[in-house]
Amino acid sequence: MYSSSDVYELSDTEIIRLVGEKIRTIRLNNNVTREQLQKASGVHAKTIGDLESGRNITLVTLVSVLRGLRELNLLDRLLEEEAVSPLLLYNAGGNVPVRATGRSSEARRKRITI
């Protein structure tokens, strides 16, 4: 297995493969066939096989399969509301930023102190 800091050492392909393996393990641990998961998720059994084999699939497919497995909770961290930093709010004049400028705060300070 890997630690959360090691995940940055993995390629995108390796991460997709690990996600597929995790989905397969969950499915087998729940004694669910691909055909049963197909009925529960609406995703074709071949596509489920592609996901489990680490082939490129869509996010919609992943969500549908997780829903069929009743494992949507695996997405909890992605669905949590992010708090806006008070410092960021202050620097933005009290407005919640709606887009990134790409400038560091250091560059912004230099621009302001001319």
N, C-alpha and C. Protein backbone atom coordinates (compact mmCIF):
# COMPACT_ATOMS: atom_id res chain seq x y z
N MET A 1 0.84 -1.18 0.00
CA MET A 1 0.00 0.00 0.00
C MET A 1 0.88 1.24 0.00
N TYR A 2 0.30 2.39 0.01
CA TYR A 2 1.03 3.64 -0.04
C TYR A 2 0.46 4.60 0.98
N SER A 3 1.27 5.58 1.36
CA SER A 3 0.75 6.60 2.26
C SER A 3 0.26 7.77 1.41
N SER A 4 -0.50 8.67 2.01
CA SER A 4 -1.06 9.78 1.24
C SER A 4 0.01 10.68 0.65
N SER A 5 1.18 10.75 1.26
CA SER A 5 2.24 11.57 0.67
C SER A 5 2.86 10.87 -0.53
N ASP A 6 2.84 9.54 -0.55
CA ASP A 6 3.40 8.79 -1.67
C ASP A 6 2.55 8.89 -2.92
N VAL A 7 1.29 9.23 -2.79
CA VAL A 7 0.40 9.26 -3.95
C VAL A 7 0.91 10.25 -5.00
N TYR A 8 1.63 11.27 -4.59
CA TYR A 8 2.16 12.25 -5.54
C TYR A 8 3.31 11.69 -6.36
N GLU A 9 3.86 10.58 -5.92
CA GLU A 9 4.92 9.92 -6.67
C GLU A 9 4.35 9.03 -7.77
N LEU A 10 3.06 8.74 -7.72
CA LEU A 10 2.42 7.86 -8.70
C LEU A 10 2.01 8.64 -9.95
N SER A 11 2.05 7.96 -11.07
CA SER A 11 1.57 8.57 -12.31
C SER A 11 0.04 8.54 -12.30
N ASP A 12 -0.56 9.31 -13.19
CA ASP A 12 -2.03 9.30 -13.31
C ASP A 12 -2.52 7.90 -13.64
N THR A 13 -1.82 7.20 -14.52
CA THR A 13 -2.19 5.85 -14.91
C THR A 13 -2.15 4.90 -13.72
N GLU A 14 -1.13 5.04 -12.87
CA GLU A 14 -1.04 4.19 -11.68
C GLU A 14 -2.18 4.47 -10.70
N ILE A 15 -2.54 5.73 -10.55
CA ILE A 15 -3.64 6.09 -9.65
C ILE A 15 -4.95 5.50 -10.18
N ILE A 16 -5.18 5.61 -11.49
CA ILE A 16 -6.40 5.05 -12.08
C ILE A 16 -6.43 3.54 -11.88
N ARG A 17 -5.28 2.89 -12.02
CA ARG A 17 -5.20 1.44 -11.82
C ARG A 17 -5.55 1.08 -10.38
N LEU A 18 -5.02 1.85 -9.42
CA LEU A 18 -5.31 1.60 -8.00
C LEU A 18 -6.79 1.82 -7.68
N VAL A 19 -7.39 2.84 -8.28
CA VAL A 19 -8.82 3.09 -8.08
C VAL A 19 -9.62 1.91 -8.62
N GLY A 20 -9.24 1.43 -9.80
CA GLY A 20 -9.92 0.27 -10.38
C GLY A 20 -9.80 -0.96 -9.50
N GLU A 21 -8.61 -1.18 -8.96
CA GLU A 21 -8.41 -2.32 -8.05
C GLU A 21 -9.29 -2.18 -6.80
N LYS A 22 -9.39 -0.97 -6.29
CA LYS A 22 -10.21 -0.72 -5.10
C LYS A 22 -11.69 -1.01 -5.40
N ILE A 23 -12.17 -0.56 -6.55
CA ILE A 23 -13.55 -0.81 -6.95
C ILE A 23 -13.79 -2.31 -7.05
N ARG A 24 -12.87 -3.03 -7.68
CA ARG A 24 -13.01 -4.48 -7.83
C ARG A 24 -13.05 -5.16 -6.46
N THR A 25 -12.15 -4.75 -5.56
CA THR A 25 -12.11 -5.34 -4.22
C THR A 25 -13.43 -5.10 -3.48
N ILE A 26 -13.95 -3.89 -3.57
CA ILE A 26 -15.23 -3.58 -2.91
C ILE A 26 -16.33 -4.46 -3.49
N ARG A 27 -16.36 -4.57 -4.82
CA ARG A 27 -17.40 -5.37 -5.48
C ARG A 27 -17.31 -6.83 -5.02
N LEU A 28 -16.10 -7.38 -5.03
CA LEU A 28 -15.93 -8.79 -4.65
C LEU A 28 -16.21 -9.01 -3.16
N ASN A 29 -15.79 -8.07 -2.32
CA ASN A 29 -16.06 -8.20 -0.88
C ASN A 29 -17.56 -8.20 -0.58
N ASN A 30 -18.32 -7.55 -1.45
CA ASN A 30 -19.78 -7.51 -1.29
C ASN A 30 -20.46 -8.63 -2.07
N ASN A 31 -19.64 -9.51 -2.69
CA ASN A 31 -20.15 -10.67 -3.44
C ASN A 31 -21.13 -10.25 -4.53
N VAL A 32 -20.74 -9.20 -5.28
CA VAL A 32 -21.57 -8.66 -6.35
C VAL A 32 -20.89 -8.99 -7.68
N THR A 33 -21.65 -9.57 -8.63
CA THR A 33 -21.11 -9.83 -9.95
C THR A 33 -21.14 -8.54 -10.77
N ARG A 34 -20.39 -8.55 -11.87
CA ARG A 34 -20.42 -7.37 -12.75
C ARG A 34 -21.83 -7.17 -13.32
N GLU A 35 -22.51 -8.25 -13.57
CA GLU A 35 -23.87 -8.16 -14.11
C GLU A 35 -24.83 -7.54 -13.08
N GLN A 36 -24.67 -7.94 -11.83
CA GLN A 36 -25.51 -7.35 -10.77
C GLN A 36 -25.20 -5.87 -10.62
N LEU A 37 -23.91 -5.52 -10.69
CA LEU A 37 -23.51 -4.12 -10.58
C LEU A 37 -24.02 -3.34 -11.79
N GLN A 38 -24.04 -3.98 -12.94
CA GLN A 38 -24.58 -3.32 -14.14
C GLN A 38 -26.04 -2.93 -13.90
N LYS A 39 -26.82 -3.84 -13.34
CA LYS A 39 -28.23 -3.55 -13.06
C LYS A 39 -28.38 -2.44 -12.02
N ALA A 40 -27.52 -2.46 -11.00
CA ALA A 40 -27.62 -1.49 -9.92
C ALA A 40 -27.13 -0.10 -10.33
N SER A 41 -26.16 -0.05 -11.26
CA SER A 41 -25.54 1.23 -11.60
C SER A 41 -25.94 1.78 -12.95
N GLY A 42 -26.43 0.91 -13.85
CA GLY A 42 -26.74 1.36 -15.20
C GLY A 42 -25.51 1.44 -16.08
N VAL A 43 -24.38 0.93 -15.60
CA VAL A 43 -23.12 0.93 -16.35
C VAL A 43 -22.91 -0.47 -16.90
N HIS A 44 -22.61 -0.57 -18.19
CA HIS A 44 -22.42 -1.87 -18.83
C HIS A 44 -21.31 -2.66 -18.14
N ALA A 45 -21.49 -3.99 -18.06
CA ALA A 45 -20.52 -4.86 -17.39
C ALA A 45 -19.12 -4.73 -17.99
N LYS A 46 -19.02 -4.54 -19.31
CA LYS A 46 -17.71 -4.36 -19.94
C LYS A 46 -17.04 -3.09 -19.45
N THR A 47 -17.82 -2.03 -19.30
CA THR A 47 -17.28 -0.76 -18.80
C THR A 47 -16.82 -0.92 -17.36
N ILE A 48 -17.55 -1.69 -16.57
CA ILE A 48 -17.13 -1.96 -15.19
C ILE A 48 -15.80 -2.71 -15.21
N GLY A 49 -15.67 -3.66 -16.12
CA GLY A 49 -14.40 -4.38 -16.28
C GLY A 49 -13.27 -3.44 -16.68
N ASP A 50 -13.57 -2.50 -17.58
CA ASP A 50 -12.56 -1.50 -17.97
C ASP A 50 -12.12 -0.68 -16.76
N LEU A 51 -13.08 -0.26 -15.95
CA LEU A 51 -12.77 0.52 -14.75
C LEU A 51 -11.89 -0.29 -13.82
N GLU A 52 -12.27 -1.54 -13.57
CA GLU A 52 -11.51 -2.38 -12.66
C GLU A 52 -10.12 -2.72 -13.18
N SER A 53 -9.95 -2.66 -14.49
CA SER A 53 -8.64 -2.95 -15.10
C SER A 53 -7.76 -1.71 -15.21
N GLY A 54 -8.28 -0.58 -14.77
CA GLY A 54 -7.50 0.65 -14.81
C GLY A 54 -7.50 1.35 -16.15
N ARG A 55 -8.49 1.02 -16.98
CA ARG A 55 -8.59 1.73 -18.26
C ARG A 55 -9.30 3.05 -18.01
N ASN A 56 -9.07 3.97 -18.89
CA ASN A 56 -9.61 5.32 -18.75
C ASN A 56 -11.13 5.29 -18.85
N ILE A 57 -11.81 5.81 -17.85
CA ILE A 57 -13.27 5.90 -17.83
C ILE A 57 -13.65 7.32 -17.43
N THR A 58 -14.92 7.64 -17.55
CA THR A 58 -15.38 8.99 -17.20
C THR A 58 -15.70 9.09 -15.71
N LEU A 59 -15.74 10.29 -15.24
CA LEU A 59 -16.11 10.55 -13.86
C LEU A 59 -17.57 10.13 -13.62
N VAL A 60 -18.42 10.33 -14.61
CA VAL A 60 -19.82 9.92 -14.51
C VAL A 60 -19.90 8.41 -14.28
N THR A 61 -19.07 7.65 -14.99
CA THR A 61 -19.05 6.20 -14.83
C THR A 61 -18.62 5.84 -13.41
N LEU A 62 -17.58 6.49 -12.92
CA LEU A 62 -17.10 6.21 -11.57
C LEU A 62 -18.19 6.48 -10.54
N VAL A 63 -18.86 7.61 -10.66
CA VAL A 63 -19.92 7.97 -9.71
C VAL A 63 -21.06 6.96 -9.80
N SER A 64 -21.44 6.56 -11.01
CA SER A 64 -22.52 5.59 -11.18
C SER A 64 -22.17 4.25 -10.55
N VAL A 65 -20.93 3.80 -10.74
CA VAL A 65 -20.50 2.52 -10.16
C VAL A 65 -20.45 2.62 -8.64
N LEU A 66 -19.92 3.73 -8.11
CA LEU A 66 -19.90 3.90 -6.66
C LEU A 66 -21.32 3.93 -6.09
N ARG A 67 -22.25 4.55 -6.81
CA ARG A 67 -23.65 4.57 -6.37
C ARG A 67 -24.21 3.15 -6.37
N GLY A 68 -23.92 2.38 -7.42
CA GLY A 68 -24.40 1.01 -7.51
C GLY A 68 -23.84 0.13 -6.39
N LEU A 69 -22.61 0.43 -5.97
CA LEU A 69 -21.98 -0.31 -4.87
C LEU A 69 -22.38 0.24 -3.51
N ARG A 70 -23.12 1.34 -3.50
CA ARG A 70 -23.49 2.06 -2.27
C ARG A 70 -22.26 2.52 -1.52
N GLU A 71 -21.32 3.08 -2.28
CA GLU A 71 -20.05 3.55 -1.72
C GLU A 71 -19.76 5.01 -2.09
N LEU A 72 -20.81 5.78 -2.31
CA LEU A 72 -20.61 7.20 -2.64
C LEU A 72 -19.87 7.95 -1.53
N ASN A 73 -19.90 7.39 -0.34
CA ASN A 73 -19.18 8.02 0.78
C ASN A 73 -17.69 8.15 0.50
N LEU A 74 -17.16 7.39 -0.46
CA LEU A 74 -15.74 7.52 -0.81
C LEU A 74 -15.43 8.89 -1.42
N LEU A 75 -16.47 9.59 -1.83
CA LEU A 75 -16.29 10.93 -2.42
C LEU A 75 -16.48 12.05 -1.40
N ASP A 76 -16.71 11.70 -0.14
CA ASP A 76 -17.02 12.69 0.89
C ASP A 76 -16.04 13.86 0.90
N ARG A 77 -14.77 13.58 0.88
CA ARG A 77 -13.75 14.65 0.98
C ARG A 77 -13.87 15.64 -0.18
N LEU A 78 -14.21 15.13 -1.37
CA LEU A 78 -14.36 16.01 -2.52
C LEU A 78 -15.62 16.87 -2.43
N LEU A 79 -16.61 16.38 -1.69
CA LEU A 79 -17.88 17.09 -1.62
C LEU A 79 -18.00 18.03 -0.42
N GLU A 80 -16.99 18.00 0.45
CA GLU A 80 -17.01 18.91 1.61
C GLU A 80 -16.89 20.35 1.14
N GLU A 81 -17.58 21.23 1.84
CA GLU A 81 -17.50 22.65 1.52
C GLU A 81 -16.16 23.19 2.00
N GLU A 82 -15.48 23.91 1.14
CA GLU A 82 -14.20 24.51 1.49
C GLU A 82 -14.44 25.88 2.12
N ALA A 83 -13.80 26.11 3.24
CA ALA A 83 -13.91 27.42 3.90
C ALA A 83 -12.97 28.41 3.22
N VAL A 84 -13.41 29.65 3.12
CA VAL A 84 -12.57 30.70 2.54
C VAL A 84 -11.67 31.25 3.63
N SER A 85 -10.40 31.34 3.34
CA SER A 85 -9.43 31.85 4.29
C SER A 85 -9.76 33.30 4.66
N PRO A 86 -9.78 33.65 5.95
CA PRO A 86 -10.04 35.04 6.35
C PRO A 86 -9.02 36.00 5.74
N LEU A 87 -7.77 35.58 5.63
CA LEU A 87 -6.73 36.42 5.03
C LEU A 87 -7.02 36.65 3.56
N LEU A 88 -7.44 35.62 2.86
CA LEU A 88 -7.80 35.76 1.45
C LEU A 88 -8.98 36.70 1.29
N LEU A 89 -9.97 36.58 2.18
CA LEU A 89 -11.12 37.47 2.15
C LEU A 89 -10.69 38.92 2.37
N TYR A 90 -9.81 39.13 3.34
CA TYR A 90 -9.31 40.47 3.64
C TYR A 90 -8.59 41.05 2.42
N ASN A 91 -7.69 40.25 1.85
CA ASN A 91 -6.91 40.71 0.70
C ASN A 91 -7.79 40.96 -0.52
N ALA A 92 -8.94 40.29 -0.59
CA ALA A 92 -9.85 40.47 -1.72
C ALA A 92 -10.88 41.56 -1.43
N GLY A 93 -10.66 42.33 -0.39
CA GLY A 93 -11.57 43.43 -0.07
C GLY A 93 -12.90 42.96 0.46
N GLY A 94 -12.93 41.79 1.09
CA GLY A 94 -14.16 41.27 1.67
C GLY A 94 -15.01 40.46 0.70
N ASN A 95 -14.58 40.38 -0.54
CA ASN A 95 -15.33 39.61 -1.54
C ASN A 95 -14.72 38.22 -1.69
N VAL A 96 -15.58 37.24 -1.81
CA VAL A 96 -15.11 35.87 -2.05
C VAL A 96 -14.58 35.81 -3.48
N PRO A 97 -13.33 35.40 -3.67
CA PRO A 97 -12.78 35.33 -5.03
C PRO A 97 -13.56 34.32 -5.88
N VAL A 98 -13.79 34.69 -7.14
CA VAL A 98 -14.50 33.80 -8.05
C VAL A 98 -13.57 33.23 -9.13
N ARG A 99 -12.34 33.77 -9.20
CA ARG A 99 -11.35 33.21 -10.12
C ARG A 99 -9.96 33.52 -9.59
N ALA A 100 -9.00 32.75 -10.03
CA ALA A 100 -7.61 32.93 -9.61
C ALA A 100 -6.91 33.90 -10.54
N THR A 101 -6.01 34.68 -9.98
CA THR A 101 -5.26 35.62 -10.80
C THR A 101 -3.95 35.02 -11.29
N GLY A 102 -3.48 33.99 -10.59
CA GLY A 102 -2.21 33.38 -10.96
C GLY A 102 -1.02 34.13 -10.38
N ARG A 103 -1.27 35.21 -9.69
CA ARG A 103 -0.20 35.99 -9.07
C ARG A 103 -0.04 35.58 -7.62
N SER A 104 1.19 35.55 -7.18
CA SER A 104 1.43 35.25 -5.77
C SER A 104 1.11 36.49 -4.93
N SER A 105 0.91 36.29 -3.66
CA SER A 105 0.62 37.42 -2.78
C SER A 105 1.82 38.36 -2.74
N GLU A 106 3.04 37.83 -2.90
CA GLU A 106 4.26 38.66 -2.92
C GLU A 106 4.21 39.62 -4.11
N ALA A 107 3.85 39.12 -5.26
CA ALA A 107 3.76 39.97 -6.45
C ALA A 107 2.66 41.01 -6.28
N ARG A 108 1.56 40.63 -5.65
CA ARG A 108 0.46 41.55 -5.43
C ARG A 108 0.90 42.68 -4.50
N ARG A 109 1.68 42.34 -3.43
CA ARG A 109 2.16 43.38 -2.52
C ARG A 109 3.10 44.34 -3.23
N LYS A 110 3.98 43.83 -4.07
CA LYS A 110 4.91 44.68 -4.81
C LYS A 110 4.15 45.62 -5.73
N ARG A 111 3.10 45.13 -6.36
CA ARG A 111 2.31 45.95 -7.27
C ARG A 111 1.60 47.05 -6.50
N ILE A 112 1.13 46.77 -5.29
CA ILE A 112 0.37 47.72 -4.50
C ILE A 112 1.29 48.79 -3.91
N THR A 113 2.51 48.46 -3.55
CA THR A 113 3.39 49.39 -2.82
C THR A 113 4.24 50.26 -3.76
N ILE A 114 3.81 50.51 -4.95
CA ILE A 114 4.58 51.34 -5.90
C ILE A 114 4.59 52.78 -5.47
